[in-house]
Amino acid sequence: MTRAPVLVTGLPRSGTSWTGKMLAAGGDLVYVNEPLNPQHPPGRCPGVLRAEVTHRFQYICDDNAATWLPAFRDTVALRYRWLAELRANHAPYDLARLVRYGGAFTLGRLAGRRALLDDPFAVLSAGWFARRLGCRVIALVRDPVSFVASWQRLGWTVHVSELLEQPLLVRDHPDLLELRPLAGSRDRIATAAALWRATRSVLARTPGILVTSYESLAADPLPRFRDLYDHAGLTWTPAAERRVRRACTGRSRTGTGFAWSGLSRTAYRPMDSRQALRDAARGLTPEQVARVRTLTAT
């Protein structure tokens, strides 16, 4: 069995939290939620990642690795920085997170477990995580209509400037330049579709990662997750199978499979994954669906 850390990534609302939780169900991994998220929580926690995140989709490559490589080596080695966390975050909620994450890191390291990073904000840096940290990278891609519909329901907007003002990111992934005409646009469908298209192109050209579709996992979760266990070097046990089956065939408490709650601030909730596929385009009109298909066509 490999000792490599695991990174599950993909654009936000592509199923990374769900996939990460299912991989952690086998008990061999310590789940680490979105260390590159610039919002606190779940990000800006120096106990988990001792480096300053300044952008959504912070780009990491060999040219700026002097800070990021030591920080992430500590994270994937499950070395929790207790004092750094206490200095930065000391509200009651933060202290509860400190105890949870600090304990999970310490116990996981002593038990020989590996780190699992669930981080959609690492999607454009996935190749670096595979090459420099030796991560087994699983990148989720969701059908563009489902992806755009989900962002629309949540009222999310693509912050184009945070992508374009990173010179190294644009240099290495010029596909993102197609978002430039949309900077400042209020057309959330167009910007989300453009981000999906550019990111899909980046992932298709990134070596050393496994790109898989959210829809394939949701339609047939047990065999597909077993394949991901093999890719990540994890043991597919009867206990893991039971947990995955229960989590993917039950009814979400929220009715949507999405909620921000708990100390981990993960979006995942147990759900009937096949039912989630049937509701994927909810909130978009037929005309909007057709527009998304046109905007994301290759």
C-alpha atoms as a PDB file:
ATOM      1  CA  MET A   1       0.000   0.000   0.000  1.00  0.00           C
ATOM      2  CA  THR A   2       1.373   3.431  -0.957  1.00  0.00           C
ATOM      3  CA  ARG A   3       2.179   6.029   1.696  1.00  0.00           C
ATOM      4  CA  ALA A   4       1.524   8.941  -0.667  1.00  0.00           C
ATOM      5  CA  PRO A   5      -0.817  11.726   0.424  1.00  0.00           C
ATOM      6  CA  VAL A   6      -4.051  12.154  -1.533  1.00  0.00           C
ATOM      7  CA  LEU A   7      -5.440  15.322  -3.081  1.00  0.00           C
ATOM      8  CA  VAL A   8      -9.061  15.484  -4.183  1.00  0.00           C
ATOM      9  CA  THR A   9      -9.715  18.596  -6.232  1.00  0.00           C
ATOM     10  CA  GLY A  10     -11.927  20.077  -8.928  1.00  0.00           C
ATOM     11  CA  LEU A  11     -13.894  23.296  -9.173  1.00  0.00           C
ATOM     12  CA  PRO A  12     -16.111  24.093  -6.163  1.00  0.00           C
ATOM     13  CA  ARG A  13     -19.426  22.210  -6.395  1.00  0.00           C
ATOM     14  CA  SER A  14     -17.873  19.354  -8.359  1.00  0.00           C
ATOM     15  CA  GLY A  15     -18.197  16.758  -5.596  1.00  0.00           C
ATOM     16  CA  THR A  16     -14.795  17.052  -3.927  1.00  0.00           C
ATOM     17  CA  SER A  17     -16.130  17.013  -0.353  1.00  0.00           C
ATOM     18  CA  TRP A  18     -18.296  13.977  -1.076  1.00  0.00           C
ATOM     19  CA  THR A  19     -15.441  12.142  -2.781  1.00  0.00           C
ATOM     20  CA  GLY A  20     -12.981  13.016  -0.039  1.00  0.00           C
ATOM     21  CA  LYS A  21     -15.311  11.800   2.686  1.00  0.00           C
ATOM     22  CA  MET A  22     -15.895   8.543   0.831  1.00  0.00           C
ATOM     23  CA  LEU A  23     -12.152   7.940   0.475  1.00  0.00           C
ATOM     24  CA  ALA A  24     -11.661   8.696   4.168  1.00  0.00           C
ATOM     25  CA  ALA A  25     -14.390   6.183   5.055  1.00  0.00           C
ATOM     26  CA  GLY A  26     -11.841   3.365   4.933  1.00  0.00           C
ATOM     27  CA  GLY A  27     -10.047   4.762   7.984  1.00  0.00           C
ATOM     28  CA  ASP A  28      -6.583   5.079   6.401  1.00  0.00           C
ATOM     29  CA  LEU A  29      -6.671   8.846   5.809  1.00  0.00           C
ATOM     30  CA  VAL A  30      -6.901  12.034   7.847  1.00  0.00           C
ATOM     31  CA  TYR A  31      -9.347  14.393   6.139  1.00  0.00           C
ATOM     32  CA  VAL A  32      -8.066  17.974   5.716  1.00  0.00           C
ATOM     33  CA  ASN A  33     -10.654  20.426   4.416  1.00  0.00           C
ATOM     34  CA  GLU A  34      -9.646  23.223   2.013  1.00  0.00           C
ATOM     35  CA  PRO A  35      -6.355  24.535   3.395  1.00  0.00           C
ATOM     36  CA  LEU A  36      -6.141  26.871   0.349  1.00  0.00           C
ATOM     37  CA  ASN A  37      -9.536  28.436   0.960  1.00  0.00           C
ATOM     38  CA  PRO A  38      -8.863  32.169   1.585  1.00  0.00           C
ATOM     39  CA  GLN A  39     -11.955  32.464   3.780  1.00  0.00           C
ATOM     40  CA  HIS A  40     -11.795  31.660   7.478  1.00  0.00           C
ATOM     41  CA  PRO A  41     -13.082  29.114   8.244  1.00  0.00           C
ATOM     42  CA  PRO A  42     -12.152  26.667   6.766  1.00  0.00           C
ATOM     43  CA  GLY A  43      -8.938  28.349   5.555  1.00  0.00           C
ATOM     44  CA  ARG A  44      -6.462  30.748   7.152  1.00  0.00           C
ATOM     45  CA  CYS A  45      -5.587  28.182   9.785  1.00  0.00           C
ATOM     46  CA  PRO A  46      -1.779  28.189  10.230  1.00  0.00           C
ATOM     47  CA  GLY A  47      -1.981  25.097  12.372  1.00  0.00           C
ATOM     48  CA  VAL A  48      -3.031  23.218   9.238  1.00  0.00           C
ATOM     49  CA  LEU A  49      -1.101  25.218   6.614  1.00  0.00           C
ATOM     50  CA  ARG A  50       1.546  27.687   7.718  1.00  0.00           C
ATOM     51  CA  ALA A  51       1.461  29.958   4.686  1.00  0.00           C
ATOM     52  CA  GLU A  52      -0.604  32.996   3.749  1.00  0.00           C
ATOM     53  CA  VAL A  53      -3.295  32.394   1.143  1.00  0.00           C
ATOM     54  CA  THR A  54      -4.024  35.612  -0.742  1.00  0.00           C
ATOM     55  CA  HIS A  55      -6.224  34.498  -3.666  1.00  0.00           C
ATOM     56  CA  ARG A  56      -8.964  32.090  -4.532  1.00  0.00           C
ATOM     57  CA  PHE A  57      -7.286  29.427  -6.672  1.00  0.00           C
ATOM     58  CA  GLN A  58      -3.869  30.434  -5.331  1.00  0.00           C
ATOM     59  CA  TYR A  59      -1.431  29.232  -7.955  1.00  0.00           C
ATOM     60  CA  ILE A  60       1.548  27.192  -6.791  1.00  0.00           C
ATOM     61  CA  CYS A  61       4.411  26.200  -9.047  1.00  0.00           C
ATOM     62  CA  ASP A  62       8.171  25.728  -8.841  1.00  0.00           C
ATOM     63  CA  ASP A  63       8.742  29.484  -9.215  1.00  0.00           C
ATOM     64  CA  ASN A  64       6.981  30.312  -5.935  1.00  0.00           C
ATOM     65  CA  ALA A  65       7.488  27.033  -4.064  1.00  0.00           C
ATOM     66  CA  ALA A  66       9.913  28.422  -1.471  1.00  0.00           C
ATOM     67  CA  THR A  67       7.001  29.176   0.839  1.00  0.00           C
ATOM     68  CA  TRP A  68       4.491  26.569  -0.232  1.00  0.00           C
ATOM     69  CA  LEU A  69       6.631  23.450  -0.323  1.00  0.00           C
ATOM     70  CA  PRO A  70       7.758  23.519   3.349  1.00  0.00           C
ATOM     71  CA  ALA A  71       4.232  24.440   4.456  1.00  0.00           C
ATOM     72  CA  PHE A  72       2.554  21.634   2.559  1.00  0.00           C
ATOM     73  CA  ARG A  73       5.246  19.142   3.551  1.00  0.00           C
ATOM     74  CA  ASP A  74       4.214  19.794   7.147  1.00  0.00           C
ATOM     75  CA  THR A  75       0.526  19.444   6.254  1.00  0.00           C
ATOM     76  CA  VAL A  76       0.842  16.134   4.414  1.00  0.00           C
ATOM     77  CA  ALA A  77       3.141  14.847   7.184  1.00  0.00           C
ATOM     78  CA  LEU A  78       0.324  15.690   9.641  1.00  0.00           C
ATOM     79  CA  ARG A  79       2.492  18.063  11.670  1.00  0.00           C
ATOM     80  CA  TYR A  80       0.058  20.459  13.309  1.00  0.00           C
ATOM     81  CA  ARG A  81       1.368  23.911  14.324  1.00  0.00           C
ATOM     82  CA  TRP A  82      -0.366  24.433  17.653  1.00  0.00           C
ATOM     83  CA  LEU A  83       1.253  27.741  18.649  1.00  0.00           C
ATOM     84  CA  ALA A  84       0.825  29.322  15.225  1.00  0.00           C
ATOM     85  CA  GLU A  85      -2.861  28.457  15.291  1.00  0.00           C
ATOM     86  CA  LEU A  86      -3.341  29.816  18.811  1.00  0.00           C
ATOM     87  CA  ARG A  87      -1.700  33.106  17.870  1.00  0.00           C
ATOM     88  CA  ALA A  88      -3.892  33.570  14.796  1.00  0.00           C
ATOM     89  CA  ASN A  89      -7.278  32.171  15.843  1.00  0.00           C
ATOM     90  CA  HIS A  90      -8.543  32.055  19.413  1.00  0.00           C
ATOM     91  CA  ALA A  91     -12.329  32.467  19.318  1.00  0.00           C
ATOM     92  CA  PRO A  92     -14.275  29.595  20.947  1.00  0.00           C
ATOM     93  CA  TYR A  93     -15.100  28.108  17.543  1.00  0.00           C
ATOM     94  CA  ASP A  94     -11.435  28.323  16.514  1.00  0.00           C
ATOM     95  CA  LEU A  95     -10.325  26.589  19.698  1.00  0.00           C
ATOM     96  CA  ALA A  96     -12.744  23.750  19.017  1.00  0.00           C
ATOM     97  CA  ARG A  97     -11.270  23.390  15.520  1.00  0.00           C
ATOM     98  CA  LEU A  98      -7.767  23.463  16.986  1.00  0.00           C
ATOM     99  CA  VAL A  99      -8.573  20.565  19.283  1.00  0.00           C
ATOM    100  CA  ARG A 100     -10.234  18.609  16.499  1.00  0.00           C
ATOM    101  CA  TYR A 101      -7.578  19.123  13.841  1.00  0.00           C
ATOM    102  CA  GLY A 102      -4.618  19.050  16.201  1.00  0.00           C
ATOM    103  CA  GLY A 103      -5.854  15.806  17.698  1.00  0.00           C
ATOM    104  CA  ALA A 104      -6.618  14.269  14.305  1.00  0.00           C
ATOM    105  CA  PHE A 105      -3.173  15.195  12.954  1.00  0.00           C
ATOM    106  CA  THR A 106      -1.337  13.878  16.008  1.00  0.00           C
ATOM    107  CA  LEU A 107      -3.280  10.634  16.298  1.00  0.00           C
ATOM    108  CA  GLY A 108      -3.182  10.101  12.548  1.00  0.00           C
ATOM    109  CA  ARG A 109       0.580  10.541  12.420  1.00  0.00           C
ATOM    110  CA  LEU A 110       1.093   8.139  15.324  1.00  0.00           C
ATOM    111  CA  ALA A 111      -1.196   5.581  13.657  1.00  0.00           C
ATOM    112  CA  GLY A 112       0.623   5.859  10.321  1.00  0.00           C
ATOM    113  CA  ARG A 113      -2.326   7.356   8.456  1.00  0.00           C
ATOM    114  CA  ARG A 114      -1.949   9.592   5.412  1.00  0.00           C
ATOM    115  CA  ALA A 115      -3.272  13.048   4.731  1.00  0.00           C
ATOM    116  CA  LEU A 116      -6.187  13.564   2.371  1.00  0.00           C
ATOM    117  CA  LEU A 117      -6.468  17.147   1.141  1.00  0.00           C
ATOM    118  CA  ASP A 118      -9.952  18.039  -0.077  1.00  0.00           C
ATOM    119  CA  ASP A 119      -9.310  21.335  -1.827  1.00  0.00           C
ATOM    120  CA  PRO A 120     -11.101  22.699  -4.898  1.00  0.00           C
ATOM    121  CA  PHE A 121      -8.862  25.776  -4.730  1.00  0.00           C
ATOM    122  CA  ALA A 122      -5.872  23.572  -5.625  1.00  0.00           C
ATOM    123  CA  VAL A 123      -7.366  22.560  -8.974  1.00  0.00           C
ATOM    124  CA  LEU A 124      -5.149  24.792 -11.108  1.00  0.00           C
ATOM    125  CA  SER A 125      -2.042  23.690  -9.176  1.00  0.00           C
ATOM    126  CA  ALA A 126      -2.830  19.959  -9.250  1.00  0.00           C
ATOM    127  CA  GLY A 127       0.229  19.069 -11.310  1.00  0.00           C
ATOM    128  CA  TRP A 128       2.543  20.649  -8.731  1.00  0.00           C
ATOM    129  CA  PHE A 129       0.946  18.636  -5.916  1.00  0.00           C
ATOM    130  CA  ALA A 130       1.480  15.436  -7.882  1.00  0.00           C
ATOM    131  CA  ARG A 131       5.053  16.230  -8.917  1.00  0.00           C
ATOM    132  CA  ARG A 132       6.538  17.910  -5.824  1.00  0.00           C
ATOM    133  CA  LEU A 133       4.535  16.367  -2.983  1.00  0.00           C
ATOM    134  CA  GLY A 134       3.955  12.964  -4.568  1.00  0.00           C
ATOM    135  CA  CYS A 135       0.194  13.257  -4.109  1.00  0.00           C
ATOM    136  CA  ARG A 136      -2.191  10.816  -5.684  1.00  0.00           C
ATOM    137  CA  VAL A 137      -4.398  13.442  -7.307  1.00  0.00           C
ATOM    138  CA  ILE A 138      -8.054  12.838  -8.171  1.00  0.00           C
ATOM    139  CA  ALA A 139      -9.640  15.728 -10.081  1.00  0.00           C
ATOM    140  CA  LEU A 140     -13.439  15.830 -10.297  1.00  0.00           C
ATOM    141  CA  VAL A 141     -15.162  17.322 -13.328  1.00  0.00           C
ATOM    142  CA  ARG A 142     -18.909  17.905 -13.205  1.00  0.00           C
ATOM    143  CA  ASP A 143     -21.220  18.225 -16.196  1.00  0.00           C
ATOM    144  CA  PRO A 144     -21.196  21.950 -17.093  1.00  0.00           C
ATOM    145  CA  VAL A 145     -24.974  22.364 -16.831  1.00  0.00           C
ATOM    146  CA  SER A 146     -24.999  20.816 -13.362  1.00  0.00           C
ATOM    147  CA  PHE A 147     -22.002  22.895 -12.348  1.00  0.00           C
ATOM    148  CA  VAL A 148     -23.450  26.210 -13.538  1.00  0.00           C
ATOM    149  CA  ALA A 149     -26.878  25.402 -12.087  1.00  0.00           C
ATOM    150  CA  SER A 150     -25.338  24.707  -8.694  1.00  0.00           C
ATOM    151  CA  TRP A 151     -23.441  28.012  -8.699  1.00  0.00           C
ATOM    152  CA  GLN A 152     -26.608  29.814  -9.780  1.00  0.00           C
ATOM    153  CA  ARG A 153     -28.673  28.324  -6.949  1.00  0.00           C
ATOM    154  CA  LEU A 154     -26.050  29.420  -4.421  1.00  0.00           C
ATOM    155  CA  GLY A 155     -25.634  32.878  -5.961  1.00  0.00           C
ATOM    156  CA  TRP A 156     -21.896  32.352  -6.437  1.00  0.00           C
ATOM    157  CA  THR A 157     -19.817  34.561  -8.721  1.00  0.00           C
ATOM    158  CA  VAL A 158     -16.472  33.922 -10.411  1.00  0.00           C
ATOM    159  CA  HIS A 159     -13.891  36.447  -9.203  1.00  0.00           C
ATOM    160  CA  VAL A 160     -12.085  36.839 -12.508  1.00  0.00           C
ATOM    161  CA  SER A 161      -9.579  39.396 -11.200  1.00  0.00           C
ATOM    162  CA  GLU A 162      -8.203  36.950  -8.636  1.00  0.00           C
ATOM    163  CA  LEU A 163      -7.243  34.634 -11.470  1.00  0.00           C
ATOM    164  CA  LEU A 164      -5.878  37.177 -13.940  1.00  0.00           C
ATOM    165  CA  GLU A 165      -3.794  39.089 -11.391  1.00  0.00           C
ATOM    166  CA  GLN A 166      -1.631  36.003 -10.801  1.00  0.00           C
ATOM    167  CA  PRO A 167       1.044  36.283 -13.537  1.00  0.00           C
ATOM    168  CA  LEU A 168       2.455  32.792 -13.034  1.00  0.00           C
ATOM    169  CA  LEU A 169      -1.015  31.285 -13.311  1.00  0.00           C
ATOM    170  CA  VAL A 170      -1.785  33.057 -16.579  1.00  0.00           C
ATOM    171  CA  ARG A 171       1.680  32.254 -17.912  1.00  0.00           C
ATOM    172  CA  ASP A 172       1.301  28.520 -17.311  1.00  0.00           C
ATOM    173  CA  HIS A 173      -2.430  28.283 -18.084  1.00  0.00           C
ATOM    174  CA  PRO A 174      -3.215  30.780 -20.858  1.00  0.00           C
ATOM    175  CA  ASP A 175      -6.656  29.175 -21.270  1.00  0.00           C
ATOM    176  CA  LEU A 176      -7.720  31.440 -18.419  1.00  0.00           C
ATOM    177  CA  LEU A 177      -7.219  34.500 -20.598  1.00  0.00           C
ATOM    178  CA  GLU A 178     -10.597  33.764 -22.171  1.00  0.00           C
ATOM    179  CA  LEU A 179     -12.108  35.058 -18.920  1.00  0.00           C
ATOM    180  CA  ARG A 180     -10.562  38.517 -19.426  1.00  0.00           C
ATOM    181  CA  PRO A 181     -13.526  39.987 -21.376  1.00  0.00           C
ATOM    182  CA  LEU A 182     -15.770  38.864 -18.501  1.00  0.00           C
ATOM    183  CA  ALA A 183     -13.915  40.756 -15.764  1.00  0.00           C
ATOM    184  CA  GLY A 184     -16.531  42.761 -13.888  1.00  0.00           C
ATOM    185  CA  SER A 185     -19.387  41.093 -15.758  1.00  0.00           C
ATOM    186  CA  ARG A 186     -22.641  40.420 -13.934  1.00  0.00           C
ATOM    187  CA  ASP A 187     -23.403  37.549 -16.295  1.00  0.00           C
ATOM    188  CA  ARG A 188     -22.895  34.745 -13.795  1.00  0.00           C
ATOM    189  CA  ILE A 189     -23.791  32.041 -16.305  1.00  0.00           C
ATOM    190  CA  ALA A 190     -21.182  33.205 -18.805  1.00  0.00           C
ATOM    191  CA  THR A 191     -18.409  33.550 -16.216  1.00  0.00           C
ATOM    192  CA  ALA A 192     -19.123  30.178 -14.585  1.00  0.00           C
ATOM    193  CA  ALA A 193     -19.226  28.499 -17.990  1.00  0.00           C
ATOM    194  CA  ALA A 194     -15.942  30.133 -19.024  1.00  0.00           C
ATOM    195  CA  LEU A 195     -14.263  29.017 -15.782  1.00  0.00           C
ATOM    196  CA  TRP A 196     -15.531  25.458 -16.329  1.00  0.00           C
ATOM    197  CA  ARG A 197     -14.240  25.390 -19.910  1.00  0.00           C
ATOM    198  CA  ALA A 198     -10.798  26.802 -19.071  1.00  0.00           C
ATOM    199  CA  THR A 199     -10.332  24.524 -16.063  1.00  0.00           C
ATOM    200  CA  ARG A 200     -11.361  21.464 -18.051  1.00  0.00           C
ATOM    201  CA  SER A 201      -8.688  22.313 -20.633  1.00  0.00           C
ATOM    202  CA  VAL A 202      -6.058  22.743 -17.918  1.00  0.00           C
ATOM    203  CA  LEU A 203      -6.877  19.383 -16.316  1.00  0.00           C
ATOM    204  CA  ALA A 204      -6.847  17.588 -19.664  1.00  0.00           C
ATOM    205  CA  ARG A 205      -3.227  18.660 -20.167  1.00  0.00           C
ATOM    206  CA  THR A 206      -1.978  18.059 -16.626  1.00  0.00           C
ATOM    207  CA  PRO A 207       0.156  14.926 -16.278  1.00  0.00           C
ATOM    208  CA  GLY A 208       0.182  12.736 -13.199  1.00  0.00           C
ATOM    209  CA  ILE A 209      -3.447  13.175 -12.166  1.00  0.00           C
ATOM    210  CA  LEU A 210      -6.629  11.138 -12.537  1.00  0.00           C
ATOM    211  CA  VAL A 211      -9.556  13.087 -13.968  1.00  0.00           C
ATOM    212  CA  THR A 212     -12.934  11.519 -13.273  1.00  0.00           C
ATOM    213  CA  SER A 213     -16.498  12.719 -13.670  1.00  0.00           C
ATOM    214  CA  TYR A 214     -18.811  13.457 -10.790  1.00  0.00           C
ATOM    215  CA  GLU A 215     -21.656  11.910 -12.773  1.00  0.00           C
ATOM    216  CA  SER A 216     -19.916   8.539 -13.126  1.00  0.00           C
ATOM    217  CA  LEU A 217     -19.407   8.377  -9.355  1.00  0.00           C
ATOM    218  CA  ALA A 218     -22.958   9.427  -8.567  1.00  0.00           C
ATOM    219  CA  ALA A 219     -24.527   6.990 -11.050  1.00  0.00           C
ATOM    220  CA  ASP A 220     -22.693   3.919  -9.775  1.00  0.00           C
ATOM    221  CA  PRO A 221     -20.876   4.816  -6.546  1.00  0.00           C
ATOM    222  CA  LEU A 222     -19.692   1.470  -5.205  1.00  0.00           C
ATOM    223  CA  PRO A 223     -17.612   0.203  -8.161  1.00  0.00           C
ATOM    224  CA  ARG A 224     -16.444   3.701  -9.062  1.00  0.00           C
ATOM    225  CA  PHE A 225     -15.246   4.450  -5.532  1.00  0.00           C
ATOM    226  CA  ARG A 226     -13.556   1.085  -5.407  1.00  0.00           C
ATOM    227  CA  ASP A 227     -11.584   2.166  -8.501  1.00  0.00           C
ATOM    228  CA  LEU A 228     -10.604   5.390  -6.729  1.00  0.00           C
ATOM    229  CA  TYR A 229      -9.464   3.411  -3.690  1.00  0.00           C
ATOM    230  CA  ASP A 230      -7.186   1.415  -5.986  1.00  0.00           C
ATOM    231  CA  HIS A 231      -5.817   4.566  -7.583  1.00  0.00           C
ATOM    232  CA  ALA A 232      -5.109   6.134  -4.187  1.00  0.00           C
ATOM    233  CA  GLY A 233      -3.495   2.968  -2.842  1.00  0.00           C
ATOM    234  CA  LEU A 234      -6.233   2.386  -0.278  1.00  0.00           C
ATOM    235  CA  THR A 235      -7.683  -0.886   0.918  1.00  0.00           C
ATOM    236  CA  TRP A 236     -11.330  -1.435  -0.017  1.00  0.00           C
ATOM    237  CA  THR A 237     -12.656  -3.147   3.102  1.00  0.00           C
ATOM    238  CA  PRO A 238     -16.153  -4.380   3.961  1.00  0.00           C
ATOM    239  CA  ALA A 239     -16.392  -1.507   6.445  1.00  0.00           C
ATOM    240  CA  ALA A 240     -15.518   1.029   3.739  1.00  0.00           C
ATOM    241  CA  GLU A 241     -18.101  -0.511   1.411  1.00  0.00           C
ATOM    242  CA  ARG A 242     -20.802  -0.302   4.083  1.00  0.00           C
ATOM    243  CA  ARG A 243     -20.009   3.324   4.835  1.00  0.00           C
ATOM    244  CA  VAL A 244     -19.968   4.343   1.176  1.00  0.00           C
ATOM    245  CA  ARG A 245     -23.216   2.494   0.506  1.00  0.00           C
ATOM    246  CA  ARG A 246     -24.944   4.128   3.464  1.00  0.00           C
ATOM    247  CA  ALA A 247     -23.673   7.616   2.598  1.00  0.00           C
ATOM    248  CA  CYS A 248     -24.608   7.411  -1.094  1.00  0.00           C
ATOM    249  CA  THR A 249     -28.053   5.868  -0.872  1.00  0.00           C
ATOM    250  CA  GLY A 250     -29.550   7.774   2.052  1.00  0.00           C
ATOM    251  CA  ARG A 251     -31.551  10.955   2.115  1.00  0.00           C
ATOM    252  CA  SER A 252     -29.760  14.193   2.864  1.00  0.00           C
ATOM    253  CA  ARG A 253     -30.942  15.946   6.009  1.00  0.00           C
ATOM    254  CA  THR A 254     -30.952  19.217   4.087  1.00  0.00           C
ATOM    255  CA  GLY A 255     -32.686  17.758   1.037  1.00  0.00           C
ATOM    256  CA  THR A 256     -29.888  18.987  -1.239  1.00  0.00           C
ATOM    257  CA  GLY A 257     -26.738  17.222  -0.109  1.00  0.00           C
ATOM    258  CA  PHE A 258     -25.227  20.643   0.679  1.00  0.00           C
ATOM    259  CA  ALA A 259     -24.823  22.479   3.955  1.00  0.00           C
ATOM    260  CA  TRP A 260     -22.122  24.495   5.682  1.00  0.00           C
ATOM    261  CA  SER A 261     -22.046  23.304   9.268  1.00  0.00           C
ATOM    262  CA  GLY A 262     -19.869  21.493  11.749  1.00  0.00           C
ATOM    263  CA  LEU A 263     -16.248  22.133  12.616  1.00  0.00           C
ATOM    264  CA  SER A 264     -14.927  20.943   9.271  1.00  0.00           C
ATOM    265  CA  ARG A 265     -17.089  23.391   7.305  1.00  0.00           C
ATOM    266  CA  THR A 266     -17.403  20.785   4.565  1.00  0.00           C
ATOM    267  CA  ALA A 267     -20.258  20.959   2.084  1.00  0.00           C
ATOM    268  CA  TYR A 268     -20.786  17.195   2.112  1.00  0.00           C
ATOM    269  CA  ARG A 269     -23.912  15.580   3.510  1.00  0.00           C
ATOM    270  CA  PRO A 270     -25.179  12.005   2.992  1.00  0.00           C
ATOM    271  CA  MET A 271     -27.397  11.845  -0.073  1.00  0.00           C
ATOM    272  CA  ASP A 272     -28.988   9.623  -2.664  1.00  0.00           C
ATOM    273  CA  SER A 273     -26.391  10.229  -5.359  1.00  0.00           C
ATOM    274  CA  ARG A 274     -28.587   8.999  -8.227  1.00  0.00           C
ATOM    275  CA  GLN A 275     -31.396  11.330  -7.174  1.00  0.00           C
ATOM    276  CA  ALA A 276     -28.903  14.179  -7.100  1.00  0.00           C
ATOM    277  CA  LEU A 277     -28.189  13.540 -10.786  1.00  0.00           C
ATOM    278  CA  ARG A 278     -31.864  13.823 -11.667  1.00  0.00           C
ATOM    279  CA  ASP A 279     -32.086  17.236  -9.985  1.00  0.00           C
ATOM    280  CA  ALA A 280     -28.820  18.543 -11.414  1.00  0.00           C
ATOM    281  CA  ALA A 281     -30.160  21.272 -13.735  1.00  0.00           C
ATOM    282  CA  ARG A 282     -32.692  22.595 -11.219  1.00  0.00           C
ATOM    283  CA  GLY A 283     -32.998  26.378 -11.404  1.00  0.00           C
ATOM    284  CA  LEU A 284     -31.988  26.797 -15.049  1.00  0.00           C
ATOM    285  CA  THR A 285     -34.515  27.338 -17.818  1.00  0.00           C
ATOM    286  CA  PRO A 286     -34.284  25.243 -21.010  1.00  0.00           C
ATOM    287  CA  GLU A 287     -32.877  28.312 -22.764  1.00  0.00           C
ATOM    288  CA  GLN A 288     -30.198  28.706 -20.117  1.00  0.00           C
ATOM    289  CA  VAL A 289     -29.319  25.018 -20.340  1.00  0.00           C
ATOM    290  CA  ALA A 290     -28.876  25.356 -24.099  1.00  0.00           C
ATOM    291  CA  ARG A 291     -26.717  28.445 -23.585  1.00  0.00           C
ATOM    292  CA  VAL A 292     -24.434  26.662 -21.147  1.00  0.00           C
ATOM    293  CA  ARG A 293     -24.017  23.796 -23.606  1.00  0.00           C
ATOM    294  CA  THR A 294     -23.042  26.244 -26.333  1.00  0.00           C
ATOM    295  CA  LEU A 295     -20.609  28.167 -24.104  1.00  0.00           C
ATOM    296  CA  THR A 296     -18.825  25.025 -22.920  1.00  0.00           C
ATOM    297  CA  ALA A 297     -18.734  23.105 -26.206  1.00  0.00           C
ATOM    298  CA  THR A 298     -15.268  21.987 -27.242  1.00  0.00           C
END
